[in-house]
Amino acid sequence: MRIVIGNLPDTVTEEGIREALSEFAPAEKVKLLKESDTPSVVIDMEMTRAGAEALAKRIQGKRYEGKELRAWVPTMDW
């Protein structure tokens, strides 16, 4: 399943967000996207949709480098 994390600082790195998420779960694949005004991260993990949605809720609102994270599971698989 994929989880998207937004509202990240411009200084975010794949390694930095991987380390920040380690308290929740090991992020097997992390892809940093800087295609818009603010960067976002897509993480791929082997889990059910229900598990991914529960994890996104745990990440939602946590702070990373002074910014409150937004996390969600995309409704469609890309």
PDB file of N, CA and C in Angstrom:
ATOM      1  N   MET A   1       0.841  -1.182   0.000  1.00  0.00           N
ATOM      2  CA  MET A   1       0.000   0.000   0.000  1.00  0.00           C
ATOM      3  C   MET A   1       0.883   1.241   0.000  1.00  0.00           C
ATOM      4  N   ARG A   2       0.339   2.274  -0.537  1.00  0.00           N
ATOM      5  CA  ARG A   2       1.038   3.557  -0.542  1.00  0.00           C
ATOM      6  C   ARG A   2       0.386   4.511   0.454  1.00  0.00           C
ATOM      7  N   ILE A   3       1.245   5.262   1.113  1.00  0.00           N
ATOM      8  CA  ILE A   3       0.807   6.338   1.988  1.00  0.00           C
ATOM      9  C   ILE A   3       1.504   7.596   1.499  1.00  0.00           C
ATOM     10  N   VAL A   4       0.752   8.671   1.350  1.00  0.00           N
ATOM     11  CA  VAL A   4       1.305   9.948   0.917  1.00  0.00           C
ATOM     12  C   VAL A   4       1.408  10.840   2.143  1.00  0.00           C
ATOM     13  N   ILE A   5       2.534  11.513   2.272  1.00  0.00           N
ATOM     14  CA  ILE A   5       2.757  12.436   3.389  1.00  0.00           C
ATOM     15  C   ILE A   5       3.082  13.800   2.805  1.00  0.00           C
ATOM     16  N   GLY A   6       2.329  14.788   3.217  1.00  0.00           N
ATOM     17  CA  GLY A   6       2.520  16.143   2.714  1.00  0.00           C
ATOM     18  C   GLY A   6       2.775  17.130   3.836  1.00  0.00           C
ATOM     19  N   ASN A   7       2.853  18.396   3.431  1.00  0.00           N
ATOM     20  CA  ASN A   7       3.158  19.511   4.320  1.00  0.00           C
ATOM     21  C   ASN A   7       4.545  19.356   4.936  1.00  0.00           C
ATOM     22  N   LEU A   8       5.491  19.026   4.078  1.00  0.00           N
ATOM     23  CA  LEU A   8       6.881  18.829   4.499  1.00  0.00           C
ATOM     24  C   LEU A   8       7.697  20.087   4.253  1.00  0.00           C
ATOM     25  N   PRO A   9       8.752  20.294   5.023  1.00  0.00           N
ATOM     26  CA  PRO A   9       9.620  21.441   4.782  1.00  0.00           C
ATOM     27  C   PRO A   9      10.417  21.245   3.495  1.00  0.00           C
ATOM     28  N   ASP A  10      10.850  22.338   2.904  1.00  0.00           N
ATOM     29  CA  ASP A  10      11.643  22.276   1.670  1.00  0.00           C
ATOM     30  C   ASP A  10      12.954  21.526   1.863  1.00  0.00           C
ATOM     31  N   THR A  11      13.424  21.436   3.095  1.00  0.00           N
ATOM     32  CA  THR A  11      14.712  20.803   3.381  1.00  0.00           C
ATOM     33  C   THR A  11      14.616  19.293   3.597  1.00  0.00           C
ATOM     34  N   VAL A  12      13.437  18.715   3.423  1.00  0.00           N
ATOM     35  CA  VAL A  12      13.243  17.287   3.688  1.00  0.00           C
ATOM     36  C   VAL A  12      14.113  16.434   2.764  1.00  0.00           C
ATOM     37  N   THR A  13      14.601  15.331   3.315  1.00  0.00           N
ATOM     38  CA  THR A  13      15.352  14.347   2.525  1.00  0.00           C
ATOM     39  C   THR A  13      14.689  12.982   2.722  1.00  0.00           C
ATOM     40  N   GLU A  14      14.926  12.085   1.788  1.00  0.00           N
ATOM     41  CA  GLU A  14      14.370  10.741   1.922  1.00  0.00           C
ATOM     42  C   GLU A  14      14.875  10.070   3.198  1.00  0.00           C
ATOM     43  N   GLU A  15      16.145  10.219   3.473  1.00  0.00           N
ATOM     44  CA  GLU A  15      16.712   9.593   4.675  1.00  0.00           C
ATOM     45  C   GLU A  15      16.131  10.222   5.943  1.00  0.00           C
ATOM     46  N   GLY A  16      15.954  11.538   5.935  1.00  0.00           N
ATOM     47  CA  GLY A  16      15.405  12.222   7.102  1.00  0.00           C
ATOM     48  C   GLY A  16      13.985  11.789   7.406  1.00  0.00           C
ATOM     49  N   ILE A  17      13.143  11.680   6.377  1.00  0.00           N
ATOM     50  CA  ILE A  17      11.766  11.271   6.622  1.00  0.00           C
ATOM     51  C   ILE A  17      11.703   9.789   6.971  1.00  0.00           C
ATOM     52  N   ARG A  18      12.570   8.980   6.392  1.00  0.00           N
ATOM     53  CA  ARG A  18      12.626   7.555   6.748  1.00  0.00           C
ATOM     54  C   ARG A  18      12.954   7.403   8.236  1.00  0.00           C
ATOM     55  N   GLU A  19      13.908   8.187   8.704  1.00  0.00           N
ATOM     56  CA  GLU A  19      14.284   8.146  10.119  1.00  0.00           C
ATOM     57  C   GLU A  19      13.142   8.640  11.006  1.00  0.00           C
ATOM     58  N   ALA A  20      12.468   9.708  10.577  1.00  0.00           N
ATOM     59  CA  ALA A  20      11.361  10.250  11.369  1.00  0.00           C
ATOM     60  C   ALA A  20      10.196   9.265  11.461  1.00  0.00           C
ATOM     61  N   LEU A  21       9.987   8.472  10.427  1.00  0.00           N
ATOM     62  CA  LEU A  21       8.887   7.512  10.419  1.00  0.00           C
ATOM     63  C   LEU A  21       9.241   6.193  11.089  1.00  0.00           C
ATOM     64  N   SER A  22      10.497   6.004  11.432  1.00  0.00           N
ATOM     65  CA  SER A  22      10.929   4.727  11.995  1.00  0.00           C
ATOM     66  C   SER A  22      10.211   4.384  13.303  1.00  0.00           C
ATOM     67  N   GLU A  23       9.735   5.394  14.034  1.00  0.00           N
ATOM     68  CA  GLU A  23       9.000   5.104  15.266  1.00  0.00           C
ATOM     69  C   GLU A  23       7.632   4.483  14.978  1.00  0.00           C
ATOM     70  N   PHE A  24       7.104   4.675  13.778  1.00  0.00           N
ATOM     71  CA  PHE A  24       5.800   4.130  13.410  1.00  0.00           C
ATOM     72  C   PHE A  24       5.931   2.769  12.730  1.00  0.00           C
ATOM     73  N   ALA A  25       6.831   2.693  11.763  1.00  0.00           N
ATOM     74  CA  ALA A  25       7.024   1.453  11.002  1.00  0.00           C
ATOM     75  C   ALA A  25       8.204   1.664  10.066  1.00  0.00           C
ATOM     76  N   PRO A  26       8.912   0.593   9.731  1.00  0.00           N
ATOM     77  CA  PRO A  26      10.006   0.751   8.772  1.00  0.00           C
ATOM     78  C   PRO A  26       9.441   1.027   7.375  1.00  0.00           C
ATOM     79  N   ALA A  27       9.802   2.134   6.809  1.00  0.00           N
ATOM     80  CA  ALA A  27       9.342   2.482   5.461  1.00  0.00           C
ATOM     81  C   ALA A  27      10.283   1.815   4.460  1.00  0.00           C
ATOM     82  N   GLU A  28       9.780   0.792   3.776  1.00  0.00           N
ATOM     83  CA  GLU A  28      10.612   0.027   2.862  1.00  0.00           C
ATOM     84  C   GLU A  28      11.043   0.844   1.644  1.00  0.00           C
ATOM     85  N   LYS A  29      10.091   1.552   1.056  1.00  0.00           N
ATOM     86  CA  LYS A  29      10.394   2.367  -0.120  1.00  0.00           C
ATOM     87  C   LYS A  29       9.872   3.773   0.122  1.00  0.00           C
ATOM     88  N   VAL A  30      10.775   4.728   0.055  1.00  0.00           N
ATOM     89  CA  VAL A  30      10.414   6.128   0.252  1.00  0.00           C
ATOM     90  C   VAL A  30      10.786   6.881  -1.013  1.00  0.00           C
ATOM     91  N   LYS A  31       9.832   7.629  -1.563  1.00  0.00           N
ATOM     92  CA  LYS A  31      10.110   8.426  -2.755  1.00  0.00           C
ATOM     93  C   LYS A  31       9.719   9.863  -2.474  1.00  0.00           C
ATOM     94  N   LEU A  32      10.681  10.742  -2.587  1.00  0.00           N
ATOM     95  CA  LEU A  32      10.467  12.161  -2.362  1.00  0.00           C
ATOM     96  C   LEU A  32      10.014  12.799  -3.671  1.00  0.00           C
ATOM     97  N   LEU A  33       8.910  13.535  -3.631  1.00  0.00           N
ATOM     98  CA  LEU A  33       8.374  14.219  -4.810  1.00  0.00           C
ATOM     99  C   LEU A  33       8.453  15.720  -4.590  1.00  0.00           C
ATOM    100  N   LYS A  34       9.111  16.401  -5.482  1.00  0.00           N
ATOM    101  CA  LYS A  34       9.210  17.861  -5.388  1.00  0.00           C
ATOM    102  C   LYS A  34       8.680  18.484  -6.674  1.00  0.00           C
ATOM    103  N   GLU A  35       7.503  18.023  -7.089  1.00  0.00           N
ATOM    104  CA  GLU A  35       6.920  18.484  -8.345  1.00  0.00           C
ATOM    105  C   GLU A  35       6.023  19.704  -8.172  1.00  0.00           C
ATOM    106  N   SER A  36       5.631  20.011  -6.959  1.00  0.00           N
ATOM    107  CA  SER A  36       4.755  21.154  -6.716  1.00  0.00           C
ATOM    108  C   SER A  36       5.466  22.148  -5.802  1.00  0.00           C
ATOM    109  N   ASP A  37       4.712  23.096  -5.281  1.00  0.00           N
ATOM    110  CA  ASP A  37       5.295  24.118  -4.409  1.00  0.00           C
ATOM    111  C   ASP A  37       5.876  23.535  -3.129  1.00  0.00           C
ATOM    112  N   THR A  38       5.221  22.510  -2.600  1.00  0.00           N
ATOM    113  CA  THR A  38       5.705  21.891  -1.372  1.00  0.00           C
ATOM    114  C   THR A  38       6.005  20.424  -1.627  1.00  0.00           C
ATOM    115  N   PRO A  39       7.085  19.932  -1.091  1.00  0.00           N
ATOM    116  CA  PRO A  39       7.434  18.527  -1.313  1.00  0.00           C
ATOM    117  C   PRO A  39       6.480  17.591  -0.592  1.00  0.00           C
ATOM    118  N   SER A  40       6.363  16.400  -1.129  1.00  0.00           N
ATOM    119  CA  SER A  40       5.609  15.346  -0.462  1.00  0.00           C
ATOM    120  C   SER A  40       6.389  14.050  -0.614  1.00  0.00           C
ATOM    121  N   VAL A  41       6.001  13.063   0.157  1.00  0.00           N
ATOM    122  CA  VAL A  41       6.686  11.780   0.161  1.00  0.00           C
ATOM    123  C   VAL A  41       5.651  10.696  -0.054  1.00  0.00           C
ATOM    124  N   VAL A  42       6.020   9.712  -0.852  1.00  0.00           N
ATOM    125  CA  VAL A  42       5.192   8.524  -1.014  1.00  0.00           C
ATOM    126  C   VAL A  42       5.983   7.369  -0.423  1.00  0.00           C
ATOM    127  N   ILE A  43       5.357   6.626   0.486  1.00  0.00           N
ATOM    128  CA  ILE A  43       6.015   5.449   1.039  1.00  0.00           C
ATOM    129  C   ILE A  43       5.225   4.212   0.618  1.00  0.00           C
ATOM    130  N   ASP A  44       5.941   3.176   0.266  1.00  0.00           N
ATOM    131  CA  ASP A  44       5.350   1.887  -0.095  1.00  0.00           C
ATOM    132  C   ASP A  44       5.631   0.908   1.018  1.00  0.00           C
ATOM    133  N   MET A  45       4.583   0.245   1.479  1.00  0.00           N
ATOM    134  CA  MET A  45       4.748  -0.753   2.527  1.00  0.00           C
ATOM    135  C   MET A  45       3.844  -1.936   2.216  1.00  0.00           C
ATOM    136  N   GLU A  46       4.308  -3.114   2.564  1.00  0.00           N
ATOM    137  CA  GLU A  46       3.499  -4.308   2.413  1.00  0.00           C
ATOM    138  C   GLU A  46       2.521  -4.367   3.572  1.00  0.00           C
ATOM    139  N   MET A  47       1.262  -3.983   3.311  1.00  0.00           N
ATOM    140  CA  MET A  47       0.229  -4.020   4.344  1.00  0.00           C
ATOM    141  C   MET A  47      -1.124  -3.896   3.675  1.00  0.00           C
ATOM    142  N   THR A  48      -2.153  -4.172   4.429  1.00  0.00           N
ATOM    143  CA  THR A  48      -3.515  -4.043   3.927  1.00  0.00           C
ATOM    144  C   THR A  48      -3.909  -2.570   3.882  1.00  0.00           C
ATOM    145  N   ARG A  49      -4.989  -2.282   3.158  1.00  0.00           N
ATOM    146  CA  ARG A  49      -5.493  -0.901   3.117  1.00  0.00           C
ATOM    147  C   ARG A  49      -5.871  -0.444   4.528  1.00  0.00           C
ATOM    148  N   ALA A  50      -6.513  -1.309   5.289  1.00  0.00           N
ATOM    149  CA  ALA A  50      -6.906  -0.944   6.660  1.00  0.00           C
ATOM    150  C   ALA A  50      -5.672  -0.619   7.500  1.00  0.00           C
ATOM    151  N   GLY A  51      -4.618  -1.401   7.355  1.00  0.00           N
ATOM    152  CA  GLY A  51      -3.384  -1.138   8.084  1.00  0.00           C
ATOM    153  C   GLY A  51      -2.747   0.172   7.665  1.00  0.00           C
ATOM    154  N   ALA A  52      -2.762   0.448   6.349  1.00  0.00           N
ATOM    155  CA  ALA A  52      -2.189   1.694   5.835  1.00  0.00           C
ATOM    156  C   ALA A  52      -2.984   2.900   6.329  1.00  0.00           C
ATOM    157  N   GLU A  53      -4.309   2.777   6.339  1.00  0.00           N
ATOM    158  CA  GLU A  53      -5.137   3.886   6.819  1.00  0.00           C
ATOM    159  C   GLU A  53      -4.909   4.140   8.307  1.00  0.00           C
ATOM    160  N   ALA A  54      -4.740   3.078   9.079  1.00  0.00           N
ATOM    161  CA  ALA A  54      -4.455   3.233  10.507  1.00  0.00           C
ATOM    162  C   ALA A  54      -3.097   3.903  10.720  1.00  0.00           C
ATOM    163  N   LEU A  55      -2.106   3.516   9.921  1.00  0.00           N
ATOM    164  CA  LEU A  55      -0.782   4.119  10.026  1.00  0.00           C
ATOM    165  C   LEU A  55      -0.828   5.589   9.624  1.00  0.00           C
ATOM    166  N   ALA A  56      -1.559   5.907   8.559  1.00  0.00           N
ATOM    167  CA  ALA A  56      -1.687   7.308   8.134  1.00  0.00           C
ATOM    168  C   ALA A  56      -2.304   8.149   9.244  1.00  0.00           C
ATOM    169  N   LYS A  57      -3.293   7.607   9.948  1.00  0.00           N
ATOM    170  CA  LYS A  57      -3.908   8.338  11.060  1.00  0.00           C
ATOM    171  C   LYS A  57      -2.910   8.588  12.181  1.00  0.00           C
ATOM    172  N   ARG A  58      -2.004   7.633  12.414  1.00  0.00           N
ATOM    173  CA  ARG A  58      -0.989   7.812  13.466  1.00  0.00           C
ATOM    174  C   ARG A  58       0.036   8.879  13.071  1.00  0.00           C
ATOM    175  N   ILE A  59       0.331   8.967  11.770  1.00  0.00           N
ATOM    176  CA  ILE A  59       1.305   9.950  11.287  1.00  0.00           C
ATOM    177  C   ILE A  59       0.683  11.345  11.233  1.00  0.00           C
ATOM    178  N   GLN A  60      -0.602  11.414  10.869  1.00  0.00           N
ATOM    179  CA  GLN A  60      -1.311  12.684  10.705  1.00  0.00           C
ATOM    180  C   GLN A  60      -1.127  13.572  11.929  1.00  0.00           C
ATOM    181  N   GLY A  61      -0.681  14.798  11.700  1.00  0.00           N
ATOM    182  CA  GLY A  61      -0.557  15.767  12.785  1.00  0.00           C
ATOM    183  C   GLY A  61       0.770  15.737  13.536  1.00  0.00           C
ATOM    184  N   LYS A  62       1.582  14.701  13.317  1.00  0.00           N
ATOM    185  CA  LYS A  62       2.904  14.672  13.963  1.00  0.00           C
ATOM    186  C   LYS A  62       3.753  15.790  13.375  1.00  0.00           C
ATOM    187  N   ARG A  63       4.701  16.266  14.156  1.00  0.00           N
ATOM    188  CA  ARG A  63       5.546  17.369  13.691  1.00  0.00           C
ATOM    189  C   ARG A  63       6.877  16.854  13.166  1.00  0.00           C
ATOM    190  N   TYR A  64       7.303  17.449  12.053  1.00  0.00           N
ATOM    191  CA  TYR A  64       8.595  17.124  11.445  1.00  0.00           C
ATOM    192  C   TYR A  64       9.247  18.442  11.059  1.00  0.00           C
ATOM    193  N   GLU A  65      10.371  18.724  11.671  1.00  0.00           N
ATOM    194  CA  GLU A  65      11.106  19.975  11.428  1.00  0.00           C
ATOM    195  C   GLU A  65      10.174  21.186  11.499  1.00  0.00           C
ATOM    196  N   GLY A  66       9.312  21.187  12.520  1.00  0.00           N
ATOM    197  CA  GLY A  66       8.445  22.333  12.771  1.00  0.00           C
ATOM    198  C   GLY A  66       7.157  22.360  11.970  1.00  0.00           C
ATOM    199  N   LYS A  67       6.909  21.373  11.117  1.00  0.00           N
ATOM    200  CA  LYS A  67       5.691  21.363  10.307  1.00  0.00           C
ATOM    201  C   LYS A  67       4.810  20.186  10.702  1.00  0.00           C
ATOM    202  N   GLU A  68       3.517  20.410  10.687  1.00  0.00           N
ATOM    203  CA  GLU A  68       2.550  19.366  11.019  1.00  0.00           C
ATOM    204  C   GLU A  68       2.279  18.510   9.778  1.00  0.00           C
ATOM    205  N   LEU A  69       2.553  17.229   9.876  1.00  0.00           N
ATOM    206  CA  LEU A  69       2.425  16.337   8.731  1.00  0.00           C
ATOM    207  C   LEU A  69       0.970  16.053   8.389  1.00  0.00           C
ATOM    208  N   ARG A  70       0.718  15.875   7.115  1.00  0.00           N
ATOM    209  CA  ARG A  70      -0.566  15.425   6.586  1.00  0.00           C
ATOM    210  C   ARG A  70      -0.297  14.065   5.942  1.00  0.00           C
ATOM    211  N   ALA A  71      -1.097  13.075   6.264  1.00  0.00           N
ATOM    212  CA  ALA A  71      -0.887  11.738   5.721  1.00  0.00           C
ATOM    213  C   ALA A  71      -2.210  11.126   5.288  1.00  0.00           C
ATOM    214  N   TRP A  72      -2.180  10.427   4.152  1.00  0.00           N
ATOM    215  CA  TRP A  72      -3.384   9.777   3.657  1.00  0.00           C
ATOM    216  C   TRP A  72      -3.020   8.622   2.731  1.00  0.00           C
ATOM    217  N   VAL A  73      -3.983   7.734   2.547  1.00  0.00           N
ATOM    218  CA  VAL A  73      -3.848   6.623   1.616  1.00  0.00           C
ATOM    219  C   VAL A  73      -4.616   7.026   0.362  1.00  0.00           C
ATOM    220  N   PRO A  74      -3.977   7.015  -0.808  1.00  0.00           N
ATOM    221  CA  PRO A  74      -4.684   7.394  -2.036  1.00  0.00           C
ATOM    222  C   PRO A  74      -5.873   6.463  -2.277  1.00  0.00           C
ATOM    223  N   THR A  75      -6.945   7.024  -2.816  1.00  0.00           N
ATOM    224  CA  THR A  75      -8.135   6.215  -3.081  1.00  0.00           C
ATOM    225  C   THR A  75      -7.917   5.265  -4.251  1.00  0.00           C
ATOM    226  N   MET A  76      -7.020   5.632  -5.173  1.00  0.00           N
ATOM    227  CA  MET A  76      -6.710   4.763  -6.319  1.00  0.00           C
ATOM    228  C   MET A  76      -5.248   4.378  -6.246  1.00  0.00           C
ATOM    229  N   ASP A  77      -4.946   3.145  -6.610  1.00  0.00           N
ATOM    230  CA  ASP A  77      -3.559   2.697  -6.645  1.00  0.00           C
ATOM    231  C   ASP A  77      -2.930   3.154  -7.952  1.00  0.00           C
ATOM    232  N   TRP A  78      -1.770   3.817  -7.901  1.00  0.00           N
ATOM    233  CA  TRP A  78      -1.125   4.296  -9.114  1.00  0.00           C
ATOM    234  C   TRP A  78      -0.120   3.319  -9.575  1.00  0.00           C
TER     235      TRP A  78
END
